Each structure stands twice: as structure tokens, then as C-alpha cells.
Amino acid sequence: MIFALALWWVGSMAAQGPGPLQSDGTAGVATRFTILDVVIDTGAERLAAYQVETWSTEDGARIVGVEGGQAGPFHNAPYFDPVAIQRDRVILGAYSLEKADLLPGGLVRVATIHCQVRASTPHFAVRLAAAANAEGKSIRAQVHLTERKAP
């Protein structure tokens, strides 16, 4: 009887699992997934190419995936090193050979980054390494990360 009770208890604990995992694999603080949009503001210029670097600035925040941006030339996922995201840092880059009048300008969502975080607000930094127009000339632009709200 005691053996059957012990077996039931072990089985019920295994069914519950250890609870949410932290980034170091230990049970504890709950994690959540969030989406960060990478938005480049080109002002009046048209964007043909870019390179952006983003990284986690806190323990427990991880980059878990990368997707493309808005419809148009940056709809497909940008080029990136999949191994780099395992270090919670990624360099994204893409270019388009479209004619200048078909390129996006203003606020352009160039990529989407999927993250796993423990904090209520994800802490990621971003840096624009390069932005260019259809002629390959450098343009003034700014990059922002914007957390997308869940539907």
C-alpha cells in the first residue's frame, strides 16, 4: 500500500513538471515570449540596404528567432548568423535591387525578432551599422526596436 501511494505521488509530481525554466535552465521565474519590430526611420530617403546589430542587455533575455519585415523588398527574413542568436546577439542585413521609386521610405519595419524574456519589459539594444539608397550611397537613418503588443 505504501509503495502504491509513493508511486502515485511520484507520478503526480512528474505530471506537474518542474515549473517555468529560467534562461539558465533552473526552475523559478516565469518567462514569456515577445516580438520586437526592427524599424528604420529613413525620413524622406528610400531604403535599399541596411545592416543592424541588436543584443540582449540583461541575463534571461534570449533571441529565439528572426523573421522578415513589412510587405515589399524587406518581407523575407534578413541575412543573419543563426549561431549568433545563441549568444543573444545578432547582426541583420538585407538589400534590394528594386528601382528607387519602388523602395520604402519613412518608417520601415525591416525585421521581426522573437525573444524569450523574464522581465516585464525586454531589454535589448540596437545599433544601425549602415543604411543605403538605390545608388548604394549612405543615407541618414535611425533604428528603433518596438515591442509588438499581443493581439
C-alpha atoms as a PDB file:
ATOM      1  CA  MET A   1       0.000   0.000   0.000  1.00  0.00           C
ATOM      2  CA  ILE A   2       2.762   2.451   0.907  1.00  0.00           C
ATOM      3  CA  PHE A   3       4.585   1.541  -2.304  1.00  0.00           C
ATOM      4  CA  ALA A   4       1.439   2.265  -4.357  1.00  0.00           C
ATOM      5  CA  LEU A   5       0.987   5.628  -2.574  1.00  0.00           C
ATOM      6  CA  ALA A   6       4.614   6.574  -3.185  1.00  0.00           C
ATOM      7  CA  LEU A   7       4.313   5.578  -6.831  1.00  0.00           C
ATOM      8  CA  TRP A   8       1.156   7.712  -7.203  1.00  0.00           C
ATOM      9  CA  TRP A   9       2.909  10.709  -5.563  1.00  0.00           C
ATOM     10  CA  VAL A  10       5.976  10.455  -7.837  1.00  0.00           C
ATOM     11  CA  GLY A  11       3.721  10.146 -10.875  1.00  0.00           C
ATOM     12  CA  SER A  12       1.666  13.197  -9.934  1.00  0.00           C
ATOM     13  CA  MET A  13       4.809  15.299  -9.349  1.00  0.00           C
ATOM     14  CA  ALA A  14       6.244  14.241 -12.709  1.00  0.00           C
ATOM     15  CA  ALA A  15       2.995  15.210 -14.434  1.00  0.00           C
ATOM     16  CA  GLN A  16       3.185  18.709 -12.931  1.00  0.00           C
ATOM     17  CA  GLY A  17       6.737  19.222 -14.157  1.00  0.00           C
ATOM     18  CA  PRO A  18       9.377  21.410 -12.560  1.00  0.00           C
ATOM     19  CA  GLY A  19       7.699  24.724 -13.417  1.00  0.00           C
ATOM     20  CA  PRO A  20       8.865  27.514 -15.718  1.00  0.00           C
ATOM     21  CA  LEU A  21      12.532  27.493 -16.610  1.00  0.00           C
ATOM     22  CA  GLN A  22      14.890  30.408 -16.338  1.00  0.00           C
ATOM     23  CA  SER A  23      17.440  31.048 -19.066  1.00  0.00           C
ATOM     24  CA  ASP A  24      19.984  29.027 -17.101  1.00  0.00           C
ATOM     25  CA  GLY A  25      17.630  26.012 -17.099  1.00  0.00           C
ATOM     26  CA  THR A  26      16.606  26.207 -13.452  1.00  0.00           C
ATOM     27  CA  ALA A  27      13.024  26.364 -12.217  1.00  0.00           C
ATOM     28  CA  GLY A  28      11.844  29.729 -10.935  1.00  0.00           C
ATOM     29  CA  VAL A  29      10.820  32.997 -12.512  1.00  0.00           C
ATOM     30  CA  ALA A  30       8.276  32.600 -15.301  1.00  0.00           C
ATOM     31  CA  THR A  31       9.332  33.514 -18.799  1.00  0.00           C
ATOM     32  CA  ARG A  32       7.298  34.940 -21.636  1.00  0.00           C
ATOM     33  CA  PHE A  33       7.754  35.386 -25.335  1.00  0.00           C
ATOM     34  CA  THR A  34       7.610  38.734 -27.063  1.00  0.00           C
ATOM     35  CA  ILE A  35       8.089  40.185 -30.512  1.00  0.00           C
ATOM     36  CA  LEU A  36      10.364  43.125 -31.283  1.00  0.00           C
ATOM     37  CA  ASP A  37       9.982  45.005 -34.558  1.00  0.00           C
ATOM     38  CA  VAL A  38      13.161  46.467 -36.036  1.00  0.00           C
ATOM     39  CA  VAL A  39      12.123  49.785 -37.571  1.00  0.00           C
ATOM     40  CA  ILE A  40      14.426  52.035 -39.574  1.00  0.00           C
ATOM     41  CA  ASP A  41      13.397  55.677 -39.962  1.00  0.00           C
ATOM     42  CA  THR A  42      14.832  56.980 -43.230  1.00  0.00           C
ATOM     43  CA  GLY A  43      12.963  60.283 -43.280  1.00  0.00           C
ATOM     44  CA  ALA A  44      12.442  61.306 -46.902  1.00  0.00           C
ATOM     45  CA  GLU A  45      15.055  58.861 -48.250  1.00  0.00           C
ATOM     46  CA  ARG A  46      14.284  55.465 -49.787  1.00  0.00           C
ATOM     47  CA  LEU A  47      15.897  52.401 -48.164  1.00  0.00           C
ATOM     48  CA  ALA A  48      17.667  49.868 -50.407  1.00  0.00           C
ATOM     49  CA  ALA A  49      20.092  48.248 -47.956  1.00  0.00           C
ATOM     50  CA  TYR A  50      20.777  48.090 -44.240  1.00  0.00           C
ATOM     51  CA  GLN A  51      22.801  46.398 -41.540  1.00  0.00           C
ATOM     52  CA  VAL A  52      21.611  46.386 -37.927  1.00  0.00           C
ATOM     53  CA  GLU A  53      23.092  44.849 -34.798  1.00  0.00           C
ATOM     54  CA  THR A  54      20.954  44.024 -31.763  1.00  0.00           C
ATOM     55  CA  TRP A  55      21.774  42.319 -28.489  1.00  0.00           C
ATOM     56  CA  SER A  56      20.345  41.496 -25.093  1.00  0.00           C
ATOM     57  CA  THR A  57      21.406  43.792 -22.271  1.00  0.00           C
ATOM     58  CA  GLU A  58      20.230  41.557 -19.416  1.00  0.00           C
ATOM     59  CA  ASP A  59      20.529  37.984 -18.234  1.00  0.00           C
ATOM     60  CA  GLY A  60      17.474  35.901 -19.007  1.00  0.00           C
ATOM     61  CA  ALA A  61      16.603  37.640 -22.265  1.00  0.00           C
ATOM     62  CA  ARG A  62      17.177  35.499 -25.344  1.00  0.00           C
ATOM     63  CA  ILE A  63      16.774  35.957 -29.063  1.00  0.00           C
ATOM     64  CA  VAL A  64      14.991  32.849 -30.341  1.00  0.00           C
ATOM     65  CA  GLY A  65      14.128  33.707 -33.936  1.00  0.00           C
ATOM     66  CA  VAL A  66      14.202  36.239 -36.778  1.00  0.00           C
ATOM     67  CA  GLU A  67      11.586  36.981 -39.445  1.00  0.00           C
ATOM     68  CA  GLY A  68      11.236  39.466 -42.237  1.00  0.00           C
ATOM     69  CA  GLY A  69       9.602  42.861 -42.059  1.00  0.00           C
ATOM     70  CA  GLN A  70       6.740  44.579 -43.846  1.00  0.00           C
ATOM     71  CA  ALA A  71       5.499  43.753 -47.328  1.00  0.00           C
ATOM     72  CA  GLY A  72       7.812  44.801 -50.109  1.00  0.00           C
ATOM     73  CA  PRO A  73      11.538  44.303 -50.560  1.00  0.00           C
ATOM     74  CA  PHE A  74      12.160  43.515 -46.866  1.00  0.00           C
ATOM     75  CA  HIS A  75       9.342  40.984 -46.475  1.00  0.00           C
ATOM     76  CA  ASN A  76      11.707  37.982 -46.392  1.00  0.00           C
ATOM     77  CA  ALA A  77      13.911  37.307 -43.382  1.00  0.00           C
ATOM     78  CA  PRO A  78      17.160  39.280 -43.452  1.00  0.00           C
ATOM     79  CA  TYR A  79      20.535  37.612 -43.660  1.00  0.00           C
ATOM     80  CA  PHE A  80      21.899  36.677 -40.225  1.00  0.00           C
ATOM     81  CA  ASP A  81      24.092  34.123 -38.498  1.00  0.00           C
ATOM     82  CA  PRO A  82      21.810  31.600 -36.729  1.00  0.00           C
ATOM     83  CA  VAL A  83      24.647  30.632 -34.375  1.00  0.00           C
ATOM     84  CA  ALA A  84      24.999  34.242 -33.197  1.00  0.00           C
ATOM     85  CA  ILE A  85      21.491  34.313 -31.744  1.00  0.00           C
ATOM     86  CA  GLN A  86      22.588  31.598 -29.337  1.00  0.00           C
ATOM     87  CA  ARG A  87      24.764  34.304 -27.793  1.00  0.00           C
ATOM     88  CA  ASP A  88      21.771  36.696 -27.653  1.00  0.00           C
ATOM     89  CA  ARG A  89      23.326  38.951 -30.278  1.00  0.00           C
ATOM     90  CA  VAL A  90      22.543  39.155 -33.963  1.00  0.00           C
ATOM     91  CA  ILE A  91      23.605  41.208 -36.960  1.00  0.00           C
ATOM     92  CA  LEU A  92      20.837  41.542 -39.547  1.00  0.00           C
ATOM     93  CA  GLY A  93      21.326  42.697 -43.103  1.00  0.00           C
ATOM     94  CA  ALA A  94      19.368  42.904 -46.334  1.00  0.00           C
ATOM     95  CA  TYR A  95      19.368  44.704 -49.651  1.00  0.00           C
ATOM     96  CA  SER A  96      17.039  45.226 -52.570  1.00  0.00           C
ATOM     97  CA  LEU A  97      17.770  45.767 -56.254  1.00  0.00           C
ATOM     98  CA  GLU A  98      14.341  47.365 -56.852  1.00  0.00           C
ATOM     99  CA  LYS A  99      14.129  50.705 -58.629  1.00  0.00           C
ATOM    100  CA  ALA A 100      14.330  53.674 -56.275  1.00  0.00           C
ATOM    101  CA  ASP A 101      10.660  54.609 -56.684  1.00  0.00           C
ATOM    102  CA  LEU A 102       9.608  51.088 -55.552  1.00  0.00           C
ATOM    103  CA  LEU A 103      11.669  51.188 -52.344  1.00  0.00           C
ATOM    104  CA  PRO A 104      10.091  52.041 -48.975  1.00  0.00           C
ATOM    105  CA  GLY A 105      10.888  55.224 -47.101  1.00  0.00           C
ATOM    106  CA  GLY A 106       9.996  56.832 -43.796  1.00  0.00           C
ATOM    107  CA  LEU A 107       9.321  54.272 -41.051  1.00  0.00           C
ATOM    108  CA  VAL A 108      10.252  50.868 -42.476  1.00  0.00           C
ATOM    109  CA  ARG A 109       9.830  47.651 -40.483  1.00  0.00           C
ATOM    110  CA  VAL A 110      12.770  45.664 -41.818  1.00  0.00           C
ATOM    111  CA  ALA A 111      12.719  42.660 -39.473  1.00  0.00           C
ATOM    112  CA  THR A 112      10.950  40.972 -36.589  1.00  0.00           C
ATOM    113  CA  ILE A 113      12.862  39.424 -33.683  1.00  0.00           C
ATOM    114  CA  HIS A 114      11.276  36.810 -31.423  1.00  0.00           C
ATOM    115  CA  CYS A 115      12.541  36.851 -27.847  1.00  0.00           C
ATOM    116  CA  GLN A 116      12.146  34.959 -24.599  1.00  0.00           C
ATOM    117  CA  VAL A 117      12.342  37.269 -21.587  1.00  0.00           C
ATOM    118  CA  ARG A 118      11.968  37.118 -17.822  1.00  0.00           C
ATOM    119  CA  ALA A 119      11.417  40.821 -17.193  1.00  0.00           C
ATOM    120  CA  SER A 120       8.178  42.669 -17.814  1.00  0.00           C
ATOM    121  CA  THR A 121       9.987  44.850 -20.357  1.00  0.00           C
ATOM    122  CA  PRO A 122      12.570  43.289 -22.682  1.00  0.00           C
ATOM    123  CA  HIS A 123      15.986  44.910 -22.564  1.00  0.00           C
ATOM    124  CA  PHE A 124      17.675  44.893 -25.936  1.00  0.00           C
ATOM    125  CA  ALA A 125      19.995  47.410 -27.538  1.00  0.00           C
ATOM    126  CA  VAL A 126      20.152  48.166 -31.246  1.00  0.00           C
ATOM    127  CA  ARG A 127      22.682  49.907 -33.485  1.00  0.00           C
ATOM    128  CA  LEU A 128      22.396  50.868 -37.134  1.00  0.00           C
ATOM    129  CA  ALA A 129      25.690  49.980 -38.812  1.00  0.00           C
ATOM    130  CA  ALA A 130      24.679  51.030 -42.338  1.00  0.00           C
ATOM    131  CA  ALA A 131      21.783  52.262 -44.437  1.00  0.00           C
ATOM    132  CA  ALA A 132      21.949  52.995 -48.166  1.00  0.00           C
ATOM    133  CA  ASN A 133      19.782  54.133 -51.052  1.00  0.00           C
ATOM    134  CA  ALA A 134      19.343  52.544 -54.510  1.00  0.00           C
ATOM    135  CA  GLU A 135      22.600  54.116 -55.709  1.00  0.00           C
ATOM    136  CA  GLY A 136      24.486  52.477 -52.828  1.00  0.00           C
ATOM    137  CA  LYS A 137      25.115  55.805 -51.110  1.00  0.00           C
ATOM    138  CA  SER A 138      24.905  56.034 -47.342  1.00  0.00           C
ATOM    139  CA  ILE A 139      21.784  57.735 -46.010  1.00  0.00           C
ATOM    140  CA  ARG A 140      20.991  59.259 -42.637  1.00  0.00           C
ATOM    141  CA  ALA A 141      18.654  56.990 -40.731  1.00  0.00           C
ATOM    142  CA  GLN A 142      17.777  55.887 -37.217  1.00  0.00           C
ATOM    143  CA  VAL A 143      16.840  52.446 -35.947  1.00  0.00           C
ATOM    144  CA  HIS A 144      14.366  51.567 -33.187  1.00  0.00           C
ATOM    145  CA  LEU A 145      13.162  48.396 -31.515  1.00  0.00           C
ATOM    146  CA  THR A 146       9.439  48.403 -30.809  1.00  0.00           C
ATOM    147  CA  GLU A 147       7.730  45.722 -28.760  1.00  0.00           C
ATOM    148  CA  ARG A 148       4.670  44.475 -30.610  1.00  0.00           C
ATOM    149  CA  LYS A 149       1.618  44.147 -28.409  1.00  0.00           C
ATOM    150  CA  ALA A 150      -0.093  40.770 -28.368  1.00  0.00           C
ATOM    151  CA  PRO A 151      -3.428  40.661 -30.217  1.00  0.00           C
END
